[in-house]
Each structure stands twice: as structure tokens, then as C-alpha cells.
N, C-alpha and C. Protein backbone atom coordinates (compact mmCIF):
# COMPACT_ATOMS: atom_id res chain seq x y z
N MET A 1 21.76 10.57 -106.69
CA MET A 1 20.20 10.54 -105.80
C MET A 1 19.66 10.48 -107.77
N THR A 2 18.35 10.16 -108.06
CA THR A 2 17.69 10.90 -109.17
C THR A 2 17.03 12.27 -108.80
N ARG A 3 16.34 12.42 -109.64
CA ARG A 3 15.54 14.45 -109.73
C ARG A 3 14.39 14.50 -108.50
N GLU A 4 13.49 12.29 -108.97
CA GLU A 4 12.48 13.41 -108.01
C GLU A 4 12.91 12.74 -106.31
N GLN A 5 14.20 11.95 -106.15
CA GLN A 5 14.45 11.88 -104.78
C GLN A 5 15.33 13.40 -104.46
N LEU A 6 16.00 13.55 -105.21
CA LEU A 6 16.36 15.70 -105.31
C LEU A 6 14.91 16.26 -104.90
N LEU A 7 14.04 16.15 -105.49
CA LEU A 7 13.08 16.84 -104.97
C LEU A 7 12.12 16.58 -103.40
N ALA A 8 11.87 14.69 -103.39
CA ALA A 8 11.50 14.93 -102.05
C ALA A 8 12.89 15.13 -101.05
N ARG A 9 13.77 14.76 -101.01
CA ARG A 9 14.93 15.82 -99.65
C ARG A 9 14.80 16.59 -99.77
N TYR A 10 14.54 17.77 -100.98
CA TYR A 10 14.35 19.74 -100.70
C TYR A 10 12.94 19.18 -99.74
N ARG A 11 12.18 19.14 -100.18
CA ARG A 11 10.88 19.51 -99.80
C ARG A 11 10.58 18.83 -98.07
N GLU A 12 11.65 17.81 -98.27
CA GLU A 12 11.73 17.00 -96.23
C GLU A 12 12.59 17.51 -95.41
N LEU A 13 13.47 18.30 -95.92
CA LEU A 13 14.81 19.25 -95.33
C LEU A 13 14.22 20.82 -95.14
N VAL A 14 13.76 21.46 -95.90
CA VAL A 14 12.97 23.04 -96.41
C VAL A 14 12.04 22.66 -95.36
N LEU A 15 11.24 21.89 -96.42
CA LEU A 15 9.59 22.65 -95.58
C LEU A 15 9.63 22.22 -94.43
N ASP A 16 10.43 20.56 -93.73
CA ASP A 16 10.20 20.35 -92.67
C ASP A 16 10.53 19.80 -91.73
N ARG A 17 11.63 19.26 -92.13
CA ARG A 17 12.83 19.31 -91.03
C ARG A 17 13.93 20.40 -90.14
N LEU A 18 14.00 20.95 -91.70
CA LEU A 18 14.99 22.32 -90.59
C LEU A 18 13.86 22.98 -90.05
N PRO A 19 12.70 24.16 -90.19
CA PRO A 19 11.53 24.40 -89.54
C PRO A 19 11.41 23.79 -88.19
N ALA A 20 10.71 22.66 -87.67
CA ALA A 20 10.95 22.37 -86.90
C ALA A 20 12.35 22.06 -86.14
N ARG A 21 13.25 21.68 -86.51
CA ARG A 21 14.63 21.68 -85.87
C ARG A 21 14.52 23.02 -84.94
N ALA A 22 14.85 24.04 -86.33
CA ALA A 22 14.61 25.79 -85.46
C ALA A 22 14.07 26.06 -84.44
N ARG A 23 13.14 25.74 -85.33
CA ARG A 23 11.64 26.27 -83.81
C ARG A 23 11.89 25.38 -82.53
N ALA A 24 12.72 24.17 -82.58
CA ALA A 24 13.07 24.00 -80.99
C ALA A 24 13.81 23.89 -80.48
N GLU A 25 15.62 24.97 -81.11
CA GLU A 25 15.86 24.71 -81.15
C GLU A 25 16.51 26.33 -80.88
N ARG A 26 15.72 27.28 -81.61
CA ARG A 26 15.56 28.75 -81.25
C ARG A 26 17.13 29.40 -82.18
N TRP A 27 16.57 28.22 -83.36
CA TRP A 27 17.80 29.20 -84.54
C TRP A 27 17.37 30.17 -85.13
N VAL A 28 17.77 31.39 -85.08
CA VAL A 28 18.15 32.79 -86.34
C VAL A 28 17.27 33.07 -87.19
N VAL A 29 16.34 32.16 -87.63
CA VAL A 29 15.70 31.10 -89.03
C VAL A 29 14.54 30.06 -88.17
N THR A 30 12.84 30.14 -88.99
CA THR A 30 13.12 29.17 -88.19
C THR A 30 11.35 29.25 -89.57
N SER A 31 11.27 30.15 -90.06
CA SER A 31 10.28 29.75 -91.07
C SER A 31 10.48 28.93 -92.54
N ASP A 32 9.44 28.14 -92.45
CA ASP A 32 9.81 27.06 -94.25
C ASP A 32 10.39 28.15 -95.86
N HIS A 33 9.84 29.10 -95.41
CA HIS A 33 9.68 29.81 -96.78
C HIS A 33 11.15 30.20 -96.14
N CYS A 34 11.81 31.25 -95.36
CA CYS A 34 12.70 31.70 -95.27
C CYS A 34 14.09 31.04 -95.19
N PHE A 35 13.92 29.15 -94.68
CA PHE A 35 14.82 27.93 -95.43
C PHE A 35 15.21 28.16 -96.38
N GLY A 36 13.94 28.29 -96.69
CA GLY A 36 13.80 28.94 -99.07
C GLY A 36 14.36 29.41 -99.85
N ARG A 37 14.34 30.68 -99.29
CA ARG A 37 15.05 31.91 -99.73
C ARG A 37 16.76 31.67 -99.62
N ILE A 38 17.29 31.04 -98.29
CA ILE A 38 18.56 30.31 -97.70
C ILE A 38 19.42 30.15 -99.00
N VAL A 39 18.64 29.78 -99.11
CA VAL A 39 18.81 27.55 -99.93
C VAL A 39 19.55 27.99 -101.04
N LEU A 40 17.87 28.64 -101.69
CA LEU A 40 18.00 28.93 -103.45
C LEU A 40 18.81 30.02 -103.48
N ASP A 41 18.62 30.99 -102.08
CA ASP A 41 20.19 31.78 -103.20
C ASP A 41 21.16 31.49 -103.46
N HIS A 42 22.00 30.65 -102.12
CA HIS A 42 23.26 30.53 -102.19
C HIS A 42 23.34 28.90 -103.64
N ALA A 43 22.60 29.05 -103.54
CA ALA A 43 22.50 27.56 -104.58
C ALA A 43 22.15 28.62 -106.12
N VAL A 44 21.58 29.56 -106.30
CA VAL A 44 21.92 30.43 -108.14
C VAL A 44 23.13 31.04 -107.39
N GLY A 45 23.63 31.89 -106.17
CA GLY A 45 24.61 32.68 -105.76
C GLY A 45 24.29 34.29 -105.65
N ALA A 46 22.39 34.31 -105.77
CA ALA A 46 22.24 35.35 -105.67
C ALA A 46 20.89 35.11 -105.48
N ARG A 47 20.34 36.62 -105.30
CA ARG A 47 19.18 36.54 -105.08
C ARG A 47 17.96 35.73 -106.13
N TRP A 48 17.61 34.66 -105.35
CA TRP A 48 16.95 33.30 -105.89
C TRP A 48 16.15 34.15 -107.40
N TYR A 49 15.07 35.17 -107.17
CA TYR A 49 14.35 35.85 -108.16
C TYR A 49 14.59 36.73 -109.30
N ASP A 50 16.46 36.58 -108.75
CA ASP A 50 16.93 37.70 -110.14
C ASP A 50 16.92 36.05 -111.37
N VAL A 51 17.28 35.02 -111.10
CA VAL A 51 17.32 33.76 -111.39
C VAL A 51 15.69 32.82 -112.16
N LEU A 52 15.90 32.52 -111.19
CA LEU A 52 14.27 31.96 -111.94
C LEU A 52 13.18 33.13 -111.22
N ASP A 53 12.69 31.95 -112.60
CA ASP A 53 10.85 32.69 -112.20
C ASP A 53 9.83 33.25 -111.11
N ARG A 54 10.10 33.97 -109.70
CA ARG A 54 9.25 33.80 -108.76
C ARG A 54 7.75 33.67 -108.86
N ARG A 55 7.46 33.55 -110.84
CA ARG A 55 5.87 33.66 -110.35
C ARG A 55 5.42 31.81 -110.72
N ARG A 56 6.04 31.25 -111.12
CA ARG A 56 6.82 30.26 -111.15
C ARG A 56 6.79 28.77 -109.98
N SER A 57 5.73 28.08 -109.21
CA SER A 57 5.80 28.27 -107.71
C SER A 57 5.48 26.43 -107.85
N PRO A 58 6.59 25.88 -107.55
CA PRO A 58 7.73 26.27 -106.25
C PRO A 58 8.91 26.60 -107.49
N ALA A 59 9.61 27.63 -106.69
CA ALA A 59 10.74 27.67 -107.18
C ALA A 59 11.58 27.21 -107.53
N PHE A 60 11.85 25.99 -106.19
CA PHE A 60 13.46 25.25 -106.46
C PHE A 60 13.24 23.92 -107.72
N THR A 61 12.11 23.77 -108.08
CA THR A 61 11.72 22.58 -108.85
C THR A 61 11.51 23.38 -110.47
N GLN A 62 12.79 24.85 -110.30
CA GLN A 62 13.24 25.62 -111.38
C GLN A 62 14.94 24.99 -111.80
N LEU A 63 14.95 24.55 -110.79
CA LEU A 63 16.44 24.16 -110.97
C LEU A 63 17.22 23.52 -111.34
N ASP A 64 17.83 23.44 -112.53
CA ASP A 64 18.80 22.01 -112.50
C ASP A 64 18.78 21.34 -112.08
N ASP A 65 19.57 20.21 -112.68
CA ASP A 65 19.78 18.91 -111.27
C ASP A 65 20.94 19.19 -110.96
N THR A 66 22.03 19.79 -111.63
CA THR A 66 23.83 20.46 -110.27
C THR A 66 23.10 21.55 -109.67
N GLY A 67 22.04 22.05 -109.98
CA GLY A 67 21.61 23.33 -108.67
C GLY A 67 21.02 22.45 -107.57
N LEU A 68 20.31 21.40 -107.96
CA LEU A 68 18.96 20.89 -107.12
C LEU A 68 20.05 20.75 -106.02
N ALA A 69 20.88 19.72 -106.55
CA ALA A 69 21.60 19.00 -105.67
C ALA A 69 23.10 19.56 -104.58
N THR A 70 22.77 20.91 -105.86
CA THR A 70 23.69 22.28 -104.59
C THR A 70 22.81 22.67 -103.39
N ALA A 71 21.70 22.64 -104.12
CA ALA A 71 20.16 23.30 -102.96
C ALA A 71 20.10 22.33 -101.53
N VAL A 72 20.73 20.79 -101.82
CA VAL A 72 20.07 19.50 -100.95
C VAL A 72 20.83 19.41 -100.44
N ALA A 73 22.29 19.39 -100.77
CA ALA A 73 23.62 19.88 -100.31
C ALA A 73 23.40 20.67 -98.62
N LEU A 74 23.35 21.81 -99.12
CA LEU A 74 23.44 22.82 -98.59
C LEU A 74 22.49 22.35 -97.63
N ALA A 75 21.30 21.89 -97.80
CA ALA A 75 20.53 21.55 -96.65
C ALA A 75 20.92 20.91 -95.53
N GLU A 76 21.19 19.55 -96.31
CA GLU A 76 21.87 19.15 -95.57
C GLU A 76 23.14 19.24 -94.45
N ARG A 77 23.70 20.72 -94.77
CA ARG A 77 24.48 21.05 -94.18
C ARG A 77 24.70 21.59 -93.05
N ILE A 78 23.39 22.09 -93.69
CA ILE A 78 22.53 23.30 -92.10
C ILE A 78 22.15 22.35 -90.98
N ASP A 79 21.81 21.02 -91.96
CA ASP A 79 21.10 20.12 -90.45
C ASP A 79 22.10 19.61 -89.95
N ASP A 80 23.01 19.75 -90.45
CA ASP A 80 24.39 18.63 -89.65
C ASP A 80 25.37 20.07 -88.66
N GLU A 81 25.24 21.13 -89.02
CA GLU A 81 25.97 22.55 -88.33
C GLU A 81 24.82 23.52 -87.36
N GLY A 82 23.20 23.51 -88.29
CA GLY A 82 22.98 23.93 -86.98
C GLY A 82 23.22 25.38 -87.20
N ASP A 83 22.51 25.93 -86.16
CA ASP A 83 22.20 28.04 -86.00
C ASP A 83 24.37 28.50 -86.19
N PRO A 84 24.57 28.06 -86.02
CA PRO A 84 25.59 29.18 -87.14
C PRO A 84 26.15 29.39 -88.06
N LEU A 85 26.14 27.88 -88.91
CA LEU A 85 26.40 27.54 -90.53
C LEU A 85 24.74 28.70 -90.72
N LEU A 86 23.41 28.45 -89.92
CA LEU A 86 22.53 29.31 -90.86
C LEU A 86 22.16 31.30 -90.73
N ARG A 87 23.75 31.32 -89.35
CA ARG A 87 23.35 32.48 -88.96
C ARG A 87 23.93 33.81 -90.45
N GLU A 88 25.36 32.63 -90.97
CA GLU A 88 25.72 33.35 -92.18
C GLU A 88 25.58 33.06 -92.80
N LEU A 89 24.67 31.60 -93.09
CA LEU A 89 23.97 32.25 -94.92
C LEU A 89 22.27 32.62 -94.31
N ASP A 90 22.63 33.18 -93.60
CA ASP A 90 20.46 34.32 -93.56
C ASP A 90 21.77 35.56 -94.34
N ARG A 91 22.56 36.22 -93.05
CA ARG A 91 23.63 37.19 -93.34
C ARG A 91 23.21 37.23 -94.48
N GLN A 92 24.61 36.75 -95.39
CA GLN A 92 24.62 36.81 -96.70
C GLN A 92 23.86 36.91 -97.53
N SER A 93 22.14 36.60 -97.63
CA SER A 93 21.35 36.13 -98.06
C SER A 93 20.75 37.88 -97.91
N LEU A 94 20.49 38.30 -96.46
CA LEU A 94 20.03 39.31 -96.32
C LEU A 94 21.01 40.51 -97.54
N ALA A 95 21.98 40.27 -97.15
CA ALA A 95 22.78 41.82 -97.79
C ALA A 95 22.49 41.80 -99.06
N TRP A 96 22.52 40.75 -100.28
CA TRP A 96 22.30 40.32 -101.40
C TRP A 96 20.97 40.84 -101.94
N ARG A 97 20.28 41.26 -100.65
CA ARG A 97 18.56 42.07 -101.23
C ARG A 97 18.87 42.93 -99.79
N GLY A 98 20.28 43.78 -99.24
CA GLY A 98 20.13 45.18 -99.26
C GLY A 98 19.63 45.84 -97.58
N LYS A 99 19.50 44.24 -97.09
CA LYS A 99 18.45 44.50 -96.21
C LYS A 99 20.03 44.19 -95.17
N PRO A 100 20.07 44.22 -92.97
CA PRO A 100 20.77 44.47 -92.67
C PRO A 100 20.51 42.90 -92.44
N ALA A 101 21.43 42.45 -91.46
CA ALA A 101 21.61 41.09 -90.96
C ALA A 101 20.86 41.34 -89.36
N LYS A 102 19.71 39.63 -89.50
CA LYS A 102 19.62 40.11 -87.83
C LYS A 102 20.16 40.16 -86.59
N GLY A 103 20.12 40.46 -85.23
CA GLY A 103 20.36 40.92 -84.18
C GLY A 103 20.11 39.16 -83.44
N ARG A 104 20.55 39.20 -82.12
CA ARG A 104 20.51 38.09 -81.70
C ARG A 104 21.82 37.36 -81.30
């Protein structure tokens, strides 16, 4: 995929498809910004804002091509595997922030 295609796919998945599925299927996370947090954190292996400039929006455009491809692949994996995978990824993302995992 070209960079433009990766950016478009990221937007499609993280901003639209995953939140819509999450609301319909009652996943642990339903907001697009939470999907962004989870995917970006795992793409960079830490709190995304410790690696990327949180003042430059949207943050995902700051990823290099490899990081962007990683983020898209992870979002596609979430789309394939659903809530069980999302719960694991969310738990790690929250741990990087020193926050407890969500109940439920």
C-alpha cells in the first residue's frame, strides 16, 4: 500500500469501522479516540504522546511508513478478532499510563 492508502485505511478503521462495530457489539472500547490511543500506543510500543508530538494533530500522520503499516495491521487484526483482542490491547495501553484495566 502507498502511504496515502495506509492513511485512508487507518482513518476508515479507527475513526469509523471499529467504533461502529464496537457500539453495535458492545465492545469494551467504543470511541474513536480510544481506538486511536490503543492502536498508536502499540504501534510505537509506549504511550504514543511520549514518542509523537501531541500538539500536532492528527498524531497518526506523524508515524513513519513502517509505523503506519504496523498501526493499520493492528487495526485490521482488531477488526478480525474483535473484543477479546481489544481488551488485551486496551489493558496494556492503560498500564502504560498507570491506569487500571476496565472491568466488565
